[in-house]
């Protein structure tokens, strides 16, 4: 009798755990825009794990390539530098059609732990892992039939990895900043850069005035946050539970917009959805 009771309790605990995990699992769908035109779609899921979170992000976009993004295409083109700050695209197609999958893990504080960014069309993938101290990021470039190329980059413990057109790391950053705030409001980001390098640096997280919009036609008030990362200016909109609703990025102009969400017009110097003219960025820690 005691054995049956123990088994029943064990089963109830297991059912509770899986129910809680299923309840936490968050799925979100987005439209990707560049220069205010739809260029693709994305969906991602956040799943609770024993030690943190597992994120699966899938996104597809088709757009004329830009010289400043040539190194971010995972093998579709090459670039040559012709002078300071300039880049000339060689063998790039008129339109790049990208189908990417970004699978990664976060610790309990939403900091990056490891992951893989794969181009499902070219079969080229990048795997990323941190050393024990989380001060060095190892990038393994893998392509069928070719040797793996490994490169190490400095990394700040507690940072996040941010590929272009991927909304899921911004969601992780929102959760990190709202549940694990730092004393000075600084956080650390790393992103793929041309020639398969890594661009990294500290950002200053800013809480801005709330905005309004509609979700599936119903009025909603949304929180608004902002930060600068390199030359890119981000404005982030979330609902009351800090679920991501929209991300507006400038230089160049890009947007990631949740399905069914429409942001009310906002006054800004850009004539778009932002108001971060007073934000400042800080240099990357060495």
C-alpha atoms as a PDB file:
ATOM      1  CA  UNK A   1       0.000   0.000   0.000  1.00  0.00           C
ATOM      2  CA  UNK A   2       2.821   2.373   0.904  1.00  0.00           C
ATOM      3  CA  UNK A   3       4.549   1.545  -2.389  1.00  0.00           C
ATOM      4  CA  UNK A   4       1.408   2.414  -4.361  1.00  0.00           C
ATOM      5  CA  UNK A   5       1.059   5.678  -2.433  1.00  0.00           C
ATOM      6  CA  UNK A   6       4.700   6.561  -3.156  1.00  0.00           C
ATOM      7  CA  UNK A   7       4.244   5.826  -6.857  1.00  0.00           C
ATOM      8  CA  UNK A   8       1.110   7.975  -6.937  1.00  0.00           C
ATOM      9  CA  UNK A   9       2.914  10.889  -5.290  1.00  0.00           C
ATOM     10  CA  UNK A  10       5.842  10.515  -7.699  1.00  0.00           C
ATOM     11  CA  UNK A  11       3.450  10.529 -10.653  1.00  0.00           C
ATOM     12  CA  UNK A  12       1.652  13.627  -9.362  1.00  0.00           C
ATOM     13  CA  UNK A  13       4.956  15.461  -8.864  1.00  0.00           C
ATOM     14  CA  UNK A  14       6.065  14.544 -12.392  1.00  0.00           C
ATOM     15  CA  UNK A  15       2.741  15.660 -13.863  1.00  0.00           C
ATOM     16  CA  UNK A  16       3.002  18.951 -11.951  1.00  0.00           C
ATOM     17  CA  UNK A  17       6.537  19.533 -13.246  1.00  0.00           C
ATOM     18  CA  UNK A  18       5.604  18.891 -16.872  1.00  0.00           C
ATOM     19  CA  UNK A  19       2.449  20.972 -16.541  1.00  0.00           C
ATOM     20  CA  UNK A  20       4.476  23.870 -15.110  1.00  0.00           C
ATOM     21  CA  UNK A  21       7.067  23.552 -17.878  1.00  0.00           C
ATOM     22  CA  UNK A  22       4.363  23.456 -20.528  1.00  0.00           C
ATOM     23  CA  UNK A  23       2.676  26.464 -18.949  1.00  0.00           C
ATOM     24  CA  UNK A  24       5.944  28.415 -19.075  1.00  0.00           C
ATOM     25  CA  UNK A  25       6.747  27.508 -22.676  1.00  0.00           C
ATOM     26  CA  UNK A  26       6.275  30.690 -24.640  1.00  0.00           C
ATOM     27  CA  UNK A  27       5.793  30.902 -28.384  1.00  0.00           C
ATOM     28  CA  UNK A  28       5.834  34.150 -30.325  1.00  0.00           C
ATOM     29  CA  UNK A  29       5.487  34.942 -34.033  1.00  0.00           C
ATOM     30  CA  UNK A  30       6.875  37.991 -35.834  1.00  0.00           C
ATOM     31  CA  UNK A  31       6.968  39.747 -39.166  1.00  0.00           C
ATOM     32  CA  UNK A  32      10.418  40.991 -40.213  1.00  0.00           C
ATOM     33  CA  UNK A  33      10.562  44.397 -41.905  1.00  0.00           C
ATOM     34  CA  UNK A  34      13.351  46.416 -43.464  1.00  0.00           C
ATOM     35  CA  UNK A  35      12.762  49.989 -44.584  1.00  0.00           C
ATOM     36  CA  UNK A  36       9.098  49.490 -43.581  1.00  0.00           C
ATOM     37  CA  UNK A  37       8.577  46.609 -46.042  1.00  0.00           C
ATOM     38  CA  UNK A  38       7.851  42.990 -45.083  1.00  0.00           C
ATOM     39  CA  UNK A  39      10.825  40.775 -45.893  1.00  0.00           C
ATOM     40  CA  UNK A  40      10.243  37.675 -43.771  1.00  0.00           C
ATOM     41  CA  UNK A  41       8.817  35.926 -40.738  1.00  0.00           C
ATOM     42  CA  UNK A  42      10.087  34.480 -37.468  1.00  0.00           C
ATOM     43  CA  UNK A  43       8.818  32.275 -34.688  1.00  0.00           C
ATOM     44  CA  UNK A  44      10.527  31.331 -31.462  1.00  0.00           C
ATOM     45  CA  UNK A  45       9.801  29.324 -28.330  1.00  0.00           C
ATOM     46  CA  UNK A  46      11.182  29.640 -24.803  1.00  0.00           C
ATOM     47  CA  UNK A  47      11.100  26.386 -22.807  1.00  0.00           C
ATOM     48  CA  UNK A  48      12.009  26.051 -19.122  1.00  0.00           C
ATOM     49  CA  UNK A  49      14.744  23.532 -18.386  1.00  0.00           C
ATOM     50  CA  UNK A  50      16.311  22.255 -15.178  1.00  0.00           C
ATOM     51  CA  UNK A  51      19.137  24.802 -15.288  1.00  0.00           C
ATOM     52  CA  UNK A  52      17.601  27.625 -17.276  1.00  0.00           C
ATOM     53  CA  UNK A  53      15.938  27.884 -20.672  1.00  0.00           C
ATOM     54  CA  UNK A  54      16.118  26.406 -24.163  1.00  0.00           C
ATOM     55  CA  UNK A  55      15.263  28.689 -27.071  1.00  0.00           C
ATOM     56  CA  UNK A  56      14.381  27.653 -30.618  1.00  0.00           C
ATOM     57  CA  UNK A  57      14.201  30.468 -33.155  1.00  0.00           C
ATOM     58  CA  UNK A  58      13.357  29.932 -36.824  1.00  0.00           C
ATOM     59  CA  UNK A  59      13.334  32.781 -39.297  1.00  0.00           C
ATOM     60  CA  UNK A  60      13.206  33.237 -43.033  1.00  0.00           C
ATOM     61  CA  UNK A  61      13.749  36.421 -45.006  1.00  0.00           C
ATOM     62  CA  UNK A  62      14.389  37.441 -48.596  1.00  0.00           C
ATOM     63  CA  UNK A  63      15.961  40.804 -49.341  1.00  0.00           C
ATOM     64  CA  UNK A  64      18.497  42.562 -51.535  1.00  0.00           C
ATOM     65  CA  UNK A  65      21.831  42.275 -49.677  1.00  0.00           C
ATOM     66  CA  UNK A  66      23.592  45.261 -48.166  1.00  0.00           C
ATOM     67  CA  UNK A  67      27.373  45.673 -48.022  1.00  0.00           C
ATOM     68  CA  UNK A  68      27.244  46.169 -44.251  1.00  0.00           C
ATOM     69  CA  UNK A  69      25.619  42.757 -43.740  1.00  0.00           C
ATOM     70  CA  UNK A  70      27.710  40.680 -46.122  1.00  0.00           C
ATOM     71  CA  UNK A  71      29.532  38.852 -43.340  1.00  0.00           C
ATOM     72  CA  UNK A  72      26.302  37.867 -41.644  1.00  0.00           C
ATOM     73  CA  UNK A  73      24.954  35.595 -44.377  1.00  0.00           C
ATOM     74  CA  UNK A  74      26.708  32.409 -43.321  1.00  0.00           C
ATOM     75  CA  UNK A  75      28.462  31.717 -46.576  1.00  0.00           C
ATOM     76  CA  UNK A  76      26.308  33.281 -49.280  1.00  0.00           C
ATOM     77  CA  UNK A  77      28.871  35.911 -50.293  1.00  0.00           C
ATOM     78  CA  UNK A  78      32.280  37.355 -49.598  1.00  0.00           C
ATOM     79  CA  UNK A  79      33.504  40.897 -49.116  1.00  0.00           C
ATOM     80  CA  UNK A  80      36.608  42.934 -49.708  1.00  0.00           C
ATOM     81  CA  UNK A  81      37.495  46.110 -47.838  1.00  0.00           C
ATOM     82  CA  UNK A  82      38.388  49.056 -50.051  1.00  0.00           C
ATOM     83  CA  UNK A  83      38.992  51.636 -47.354  1.00  0.00           C
ATOM     84  CA  UNK A  84      38.113  52.643 -43.811  1.00  0.00           C
ATOM     85  CA  UNK A  85      34.530  51.740 -43.086  1.00  0.00           C
ATOM     86  CA  UNK A  86      33.843  50.525 -46.642  1.00  0.00           C
ATOM     87  CA  UNK A  87      33.005  47.096 -47.972  1.00  0.00           C
ATOM     88  CA  UNK A  88      32.472  45.843 -51.510  1.00  0.00           C
ATOM     89  CA  UNK A  89      30.312  42.765 -52.052  1.00  0.00           C
ATOM     90  CA  UNK A  90      31.640  40.167 -54.474  1.00  0.00           C
ATOM     91  CA  UNK A  91      29.735  37.131 -55.816  1.00  0.00           C
ATOM     92  CA  UNK A  92      26.633  38.240 -53.855  1.00  0.00           C
ATOM     93  CA  UNK A  93      23.221  37.352 -55.354  1.00  0.00           C
ATOM     94  CA  UNK A  94      20.741  40.081 -56.299  1.00  0.00           C
ATOM     95  CA  UNK A  95      18.477  38.755 -53.550  1.00  0.00           C
ATOM     96  CA  UNK A  96      19.532  36.758 -50.523  1.00  0.00           C
ATOM     97  CA  UNK A  97      17.020  34.182 -49.407  1.00  0.00           C
ATOM     98  CA  UNK A  98      17.917  33.127 -45.880  1.00  0.00           C
ATOM     99  CA  UNK A  99      16.402  30.327 -43.842  1.00  0.00           C
ATOM    100  CA  UNK A 100      18.022  30.293 -40.415  1.00  0.00           C
ATOM    101  CA  UNK A 101      17.640  28.284 -37.251  1.00  0.00           C
ATOM    102  CA  UNK A 102      19.078  29.564 -33.976  1.00  0.00           C
ATOM    103  CA  UNK A 103      18.970  27.053 -31.119  1.00  0.00           C
ATOM    104  CA  UNK A 104      20.580  28.001 -27.827  1.00  0.00           C
ATOM    105  CA  UNK A 105      20.488  27.707 -24.058  1.00  0.00           C
ATOM    106  CA  UNK A 106      20.309  30.332 -21.341  1.00  0.00           C
ATOM    107  CA  UNK A 107      21.079  30.000 -17.654  1.00  0.00           C
ATOM    108  CA  UNK A 108      18.529  30.793 -14.944  1.00  0.00           C
ATOM    109  CA  UNK A 109      19.407  34.491 -15.214  1.00  0.00           C
ATOM    110  CA  UNK A 110      18.835  34.518 -19.008  1.00  0.00           C
ATOM    111  CA  UNK A 111      22.548  34.778 -19.802  1.00  0.00           C
ATOM    112  CA  UNK A 112      23.872  32.982 -22.874  1.00  0.00           C
ATOM    113  CA  UNK A 113      25.396  29.533 -22.346  1.00  0.00           C
ATOM    114  CA  UNK A 114      25.775  27.826 -25.751  1.00  0.00           C
ATOM    115  CA  UNK A 115      24.086  27.528 -29.107  1.00  0.00           C
ATOM    116  CA  UNK A 116      24.079  26.919 -32.852  1.00  0.00           C
ATOM    117  CA  UNK A 117      23.186  29.258 -35.706  1.00  0.00           C
ATOM    118  CA  UNK A 118      22.540  27.318 -38.916  1.00  0.00           C
ATOM    119  CA  UNK A 119      21.698  28.291 -42.479  1.00  0.00           C
ATOM    120  CA  UNK A 120      19.334  25.519 -43.571  1.00  0.00           C
ATOM    121  CA  UNK A 121      19.937  26.285 -47.267  1.00  0.00           C
ATOM    122  CA  UNK A 122      23.728  26.363 -47.393  1.00  0.00           C
ATOM    123  CA  UNK A 123      24.137  23.787 -44.584  1.00  0.00           C
ATOM    124  CA  UNK A 124      26.725  26.050 -43.021  1.00  0.00           C
ATOM    125  CA  UNK A 125      26.460  26.279 -39.245  1.00  0.00           C
ATOM    126  CA  UNK A 126      28.162  28.129 -36.448  1.00  0.00           C
ATOM    127  CA  UNK A 127      28.288  26.592 -33.001  1.00  0.00           C
ATOM    128  CA  UNK A 128      29.106  28.727 -29.977  1.00  0.00           C
ATOM    129  CA  UNK A 129      30.311  27.744 -26.538  1.00  0.00           C
ATOM    130  CA  UNK A 130      31.730  29.502 -23.504  1.00  0.00           C
ATOM    131  CA  UNK A 131      34.657  28.502 -21.358  1.00  0.00           C
ATOM    132  CA  UNK A 132      34.133  27.673 -17.682  1.00  0.00           C
ATOM    133  CA  UNK A 133      34.729  31.262 -16.600  1.00  0.00           C
ATOM    134  CA  UNK A 134      32.435  32.543 -19.382  1.00  0.00           C
ATOM    135  CA  UNK A 135      35.098  34.987 -20.511  1.00  0.00           C
ATOM    136  CA  UNK A 136      35.785  33.439 -23.932  1.00  0.00           C
ATOM    137  CA  UNK A 137      33.419  32.512 -26.737  1.00  0.00           C
ATOM    138  CA  UNK A 138      34.512  29.750 -29.136  1.00  0.00           C
ATOM    139  CA  UNK A 139      32.999  29.882 -32.606  1.00  0.00           C
ATOM    140  CA  UNK A 140      33.149  26.691 -34.677  1.00  0.00           C
ATOM    141  CA  UNK A 141      32.398  27.212 -38.356  1.00  0.00           C
ATOM    142  CA  UNK A 142      31.176  23.933 -39.843  1.00  0.00           C
ATOM    143  CA  UNK A 143      30.315  23.073 -43.444  1.00  0.00           C
ATOM    144  CA  UNK A 144      29.768  19.571 -44.891  1.00  0.00           C
ATOM    145  CA  UNK A 145      32.947  18.225 -46.452  1.00  0.00           C
ATOM    146  CA  UNK A 146      35.175  20.965 -45.075  1.00  0.00           C
ATOM    147  CA  UNK A 147      37.350  21.173 -41.947  1.00  0.00           C
ATOM    148  CA  UNK A 148      35.886  22.898 -38.911  1.00  0.00           C
ATOM    149  CA  UNK A 149      37.356  26.334 -38.303  1.00  0.00           C
ATOM    150  CA  UNK A 150      37.491  27.384 -34.643  1.00  0.00           C
ATOM    151  CA  UNK A 151      37.993  30.952 -33.480  1.00  0.00           C
ATOM    152  CA  UNK A 152      38.015  32.399 -29.972  1.00  0.00           C
ATOM    153  CA  UNK A 153      36.646  35.785 -28.977  1.00  0.00           C
ATOM    154  CA  UNK A 154      36.531  37.630 -25.639  1.00  0.00           C
ATOM    155  CA  UNK A 155      33.139  37.521 -23.950  1.00  0.00           C
ATOM    156  CA  UNK A 156      31.614  39.152 -20.882  1.00  0.00           C
ATOM    157  CA  UNK A 157      30.079  36.789 -18.332  1.00  0.00           C
ATOM    158  CA  UNK A 158      26.320  37.278 -18.238  1.00  0.00           C
ATOM    159  CA  UNK A 159      26.129  38.456 -21.844  1.00  0.00           C
ATOM    160  CA  UNK A 160      23.784  37.564 -24.698  1.00  0.00           C
ATOM    161  CA  UNK A 161      24.389  36.560 -28.320  1.00  0.00           C
ATOM    162  CA  UNK A 162      22.408  38.618 -30.835  1.00  0.00           C
ATOM    163  CA  UNK A 163      22.223  37.544 -34.515  1.00  0.00           C
ATOM    164  CA  UNK A 164      20.539  39.964 -36.956  1.00  0.00           C
ATOM    165  CA  UNK A 165      16.774  39.650 -37.571  1.00  0.00           C
ATOM    166  CA  UNK A 166      16.376  37.405 -34.500  1.00  0.00           C
ATOM    167  CA  UNK A 167      13.878  38.703 -31.937  1.00  0.00           C
ATOM    168  CA  UNK A 168      14.413  35.949 -29.359  1.00  0.00           C
ATOM    169  CA  UNK A 169      17.649  37.344 -27.803  1.00  0.00           C
ATOM    170  CA  UNK A 170      15.863  40.686 -27.373  1.00  0.00           C
ATOM    171  CA  UNK A 171      13.143  38.833 -25.467  1.00  0.00           C
ATOM    172  CA  UNK A 172      15.844  37.266 -23.295  1.00  0.00           C
ATOM    173  CA  UNK A 173      17.379  40.700 -22.718  1.00  0.00           C
ATOM    174  CA  UNK A 174      13.996  42.082 -21.632  1.00  0.00           C
ATOM    175  CA  UNK A 175      13.571  39.239 -19.142  1.00  0.00           C
ATOM    176  CA  UNK A 176      17.139  39.692 -17.891  1.00  0.00           C
ATOM    177  CA  UNK A 177      16.816  43.457 -17.446  1.00  0.00           C
ATOM    178  CA  UNK A 178      13.417  43.273 -15.714  1.00  0.00           C
ATOM    179  CA  UNK A 179      14.068  40.266 -13.436  1.00  0.00           C
ATOM    180  CA  UNK A 180      17.834  40.541 -12.841  1.00  0.00           C
ATOM    181  CA  UNK A 181      18.576  44.285 -13.020  1.00  0.00           C
ATOM    182  CA  UNK A 182      22.192  45.378 -12.725  1.00  0.00           C
ATOM    183  CA  UNK A 183      23.236  48.219 -10.448  1.00  0.00           C
ATOM    184  CA  UNK A 184      24.251  50.495 -13.331  1.00  0.00           C
ATOM    185  CA  UNK A 185      21.760  49.243 -15.939  1.00  0.00           C
ATOM    186  CA  UNK A 186      24.529  47.895 -18.185  1.00  0.00           C
ATOM    187  CA  UNK A 187      24.344  44.614 -20.082  1.00  0.00           C
ATOM    188  CA  UNK A 188      26.636  42.940 -22.569  1.00  0.00           C
ATOM    189  CA  UNK A 189      25.830  41.857 -26.135  1.00  0.00           C
ATOM    190  CA  UNK A 190      27.796  39.999 -28.799  1.00  0.00           C
ATOM    191  CA  UNK A 191      26.750  39.675 -32.446  1.00  0.00           C
ATOM    192  CA  UNK A 192      28.070  38.120 -35.658  1.00  0.00           C
ATOM    193  CA  UNK A 193      30.102  40.593 -37.693  1.00  0.00           C
ATOM    194  CA  UNK A 194      31.612  40.622 -41.210  1.00  0.00           C
ATOM    195  CA  UNK A 195      34.311  38.045 -41.986  1.00  0.00           C
ATOM    196  CA  UNK A 196      32.819  35.761 -39.315  1.00  0.00           C
ATOM    197  CA  UNK A 197      34.067  37.962 -36.519  1.00  0.00           C
ATOM    198  CA  UNK A 198      32.180  38.962 -33.377  1.00  0.00           C
ATOM    199  CA  UNK A 199      31.077  42.506 -32.541  1.00  0.00           C
ATOM    200  CA  UNK A 200      30.596  42.994 -28.819  1.00  0.00           C
ATOM    201  CA  UNK A 201      30.079  45.713 -26.267  1.00  0.00           C
ATOM    202  CA  UNK A 202      28.237  46.981 -23.239  1.00  0.00           C
ATOM    203  CA  UNK A 203      24.830  48.625 -23.620  1.00  0.00           C
ATOM    204  CA  UNK A 204      22.925  50.961 -21.337  1.00  0.00           C
ATOM    205  CA  UNK A 205      19.349  49.748 -20.774  1.00  0.00           C
ATOM    206  CA  UNK A 206      16.850  52.612 -20.603  1.00  0.00           C
ATOM    207  CA  UNK A 207      13.231  52.551 -19.468  1.00  0.00           C
ATOM    208  CA  UNK A 208      11.202  54.961 -21.599  1.00  0.00           C
ATOM    209  CA  UNK A 209       7.641  56.263 -21.448  1.00  0.00           C
ATOM    210  CA  UNK A 210       4.884  53.737 -22.144  1.00  0.00           C
ATOM    211  CA  UNK A 211       3.246  53.669 -25.570  1.00  0.00           C
ATOM    212  CA  UNK A 212      -0.051  52.390 -26.928  1.00  0.00           C
ATOM    213  CA  UNK A 213      -1.162  50.105 -29.709  1.00  0.00           C
ATOM    214  CA  UNK A 214      -3.565  47.317 -30.573  1.00  0.00           C
ATOM    215  CA  UNK A 215      -3.212  43.535 -30.392  1.00  0.00           C
ATOM    216  CA  UNK A 216      -5.674  41.655 -32.579  1.00  0.00           C
ATOM    217  CA  UNK A 217      -7.662  44.882 -32.767  1.00  0.00           C
ATOM    218  CA  UNK A 218      -7.873  45.430 -29.001  1.00  0.00           C
ATOM    219  CA  UNK A 219      -6.208  48.496 -27.401  1.00  0.00           C
ATOM    220  CA  UNK A 220      -3.125  47.741 -25.280  1.00  0.00           C
ATOM    221  CA  UNK A 221      -0.626  49.791 -23.305  1.00  0.00           C
ATOM    222  CA  UNK A 222       2.947  48.693 -23.909  1.00  0.00           C
ATOM    223  CA  UNK A 223       6.169  49.236 -21.994  1.00  0.00           C
ATOM    224  CA  UNK A 224       8.979  50.855 -23.936  1.00  0.00           C
ATOM    225  CA  UNK A 225      12.737  50.373 -23.512  1.00  0.00           C
ATOM    226  CA  UNK A 226      15.759  51.545 -25.475  1.00  0.00           C
ATOM    227  CA  UNK A 227      19.501  51.077 -25.898  1.00  0.00           C
ATOM    228  CA  UNK A 228      22.348  51.621 -28.348  1.00  0.00           C
ATOM    229  CA  UNK A 229      24.520  48.763 -29.605  1.00  0.00           C
ATOM    230  CA  UNK A 230      27.316  49.874 -31.898  1.00  0.00           C
ATOM    231  CA  UNK A 231      25.704  52.084 -34.547  1.00  0.00           C
ATOM    232  CA  UNK A 232      22.326  50.425 -34.021  1.00  0.00           C
ATOM    233  CA  UNK A 233      19.593  52.169 -32.033  1.00  0.00           C
ATOM    234  CA  UNK A 234      16.994  49.819 -30.542  1.00  0.00           C
ATOM    235  CA  UNK A 235      13.516  50.622 -29.259  1.00  0.00           C
ATOM    236  CA  UNK A 236      11.779  47.672 -27.600  1.00  0.00           C
ATOM    237  CA  UNK A 237       8.057  47.351 -26.859  1.00  0.00           C
ATOM    238  CA  UNK A 238       6.506  44.738 -24.550  1.00  0.00           C
ATOM    239  CA  UNK A 239       3.136  43.978 -22.990  1.00  0.00           C
ATOM    240  CA  UNK A 240       2.426  44.218 -19.255  1.00  0.00           C
ATOM    241  CA  UNK A 241       4.122  40.822 -18.674  1.00  0.00           C
ATOM    242  CA  UNK A 242       7.154  41.947 -20.716  1.00  0.00           C
ATOM    243  CA  UNK A 243       6.354  39.628 -23.600  1.00  0.00           C
ATOM    244  CA  UNK A 244       7.957  41.111 -26.700  1.00  0.00           C
ATOM    245  CA  UNK A 245       5.621  43.020 -29.021  1.00  0.00           C
ATOM    246  CA  UNK A 246       7.957  44.937 -31.335  1.00  0.00           C
ATOM    247  CA  UNK A 247      11.591  45.850 -31.862  1.00  0.00           C
ATOM    248  CA  UNK A 248      12.547  48.866 -33.984  1.00  0.00           C
ATOM    249  CA  UNK A 249      16.182  49.137 -35.082  1.00  0.00           C
ATOM    250  CA  UNK A 250      17.763  52.109 -36.816  1.00  0.00           C
ATOM    251  CA  UNK A 251      20.945  52.373 -38.901  1.00  0.00           C
ATOM    252  CA  UNK A 252      19.704  50.565 -40.948  1.00  0.00           C
ATOM    253  CA  UNK A 253      15.939  50.690 -40.372  1.00  0.00           C
ATOM    254  CA  UNK A 254      14.545  47.295 -39.379  1.00  0.00           C
ATOM    255  CA  UNK A 255      11.548  46.127 -37.365  1.00  0.00           C
ATOM    256  CA  UNK A 256      10.429  42.863 -35.786  1.00  0.00           C
ATOM    257  CA  UNK A 257       6.671  43.026 -35.167  1.00  0.00           C
ATOM    258  CA  UNK A 258       4.566  40.503 -33.292  1.00  0.00           C
ATOM    259  CA  UNK A 259       1.723  39.002 -35.320  1.00  0.00           C
ATOM    260  CA  UNK A 260      -1.467  40.983 -34.718  1.00  0.00           C
ATOM    261  CA  UNK A 261       0.267  43.938 -33.058  1.00  0.00           C
ATOM    262  CA  UNK A 262       0.021  47.483 -34.411  1.00  0.00           C
ATOM    263  CA  UNK A 263       1.899  50.275 -32.627  1.00  0.00           C
ATOM    264  CA  UNK A 264       0.221  53.650 -32.479  1.00  0.00           C
ATOM    265  CA  UNK A 265       2.262  56.431 -34.166  1.00  0.00           C
ATOM    266  CA  UNK A 266       5.004  57.824 -31.916  1.00  0.00           C
ATOM    267  CA  UNK A 267       6.626  61.229 -32.217  1.00  0.00           C
ATOM    268  CA  UNK A 268      10.359  60.991 -32.841  1.00  0.00           C
ATOM    269  CA  UNK A 269      13.250  62.631 -34.627  1.00  0.00           C
ATOM    270  CA  UNK A 270      13.393  59.612 -36.939  1.00  0.00           C
ATOM    271  CA  UNK A 271       9.780  59.819 -38.020  1.00  0.00           C
ATOM    272  CA  UNK A 272       9.413  56.226 -36.840  1.00  0.00           C
ATOM    273  CA  UNK A 273       8.790  54.284 -33.643  1.00  0.00           C
ATOM    274  CA  UNK A 274      11.568  55.474 -31.381  1.00  0.00           C
ATOM    275  CA  UNK A 275      12.580  58.175 -28.974  1.00  0.00           C
ATOM    276  CA  UNK A 276      16.111  57.386 -27.826  1.00  0.00           C
ATOM    277  CA  UNK A 277      17.996  60.505 -28.886  1.00  0.00           C
ATOM    278  CA  UNK A 278      19.326  60.932 -25.349  1.00  0.00           C
ATOM    279  CA  UNK A 279      20.738  57.421 -25.036  1.00  0.00           C
ATOM    280  CA  UNK A 280      24.463  56.810 -24.811  1.00  0.00           C
ATOM    281  CA  UNK A 281      26.540  53.720 -25.402  1.00  0.00           C
ATOM    282  CA  UNK A 282      29.659  52.500 -23.619  1.00  0.00           C
ATOM    283  CA  UNK A 283      32.766  50.800 -24.906  1.00  0.00           C
ATOM    284  CA  UNK A 284      33.123  47.027 -24.697  1.00  0.00           C
ATOM    285  CA  UNK A 285      34.931  45.733 -21.621  1.00  0.00           C
ATOM    286  CA  UNK A 286      38.368  44.310 -22.322  1.00  0.00           C
END
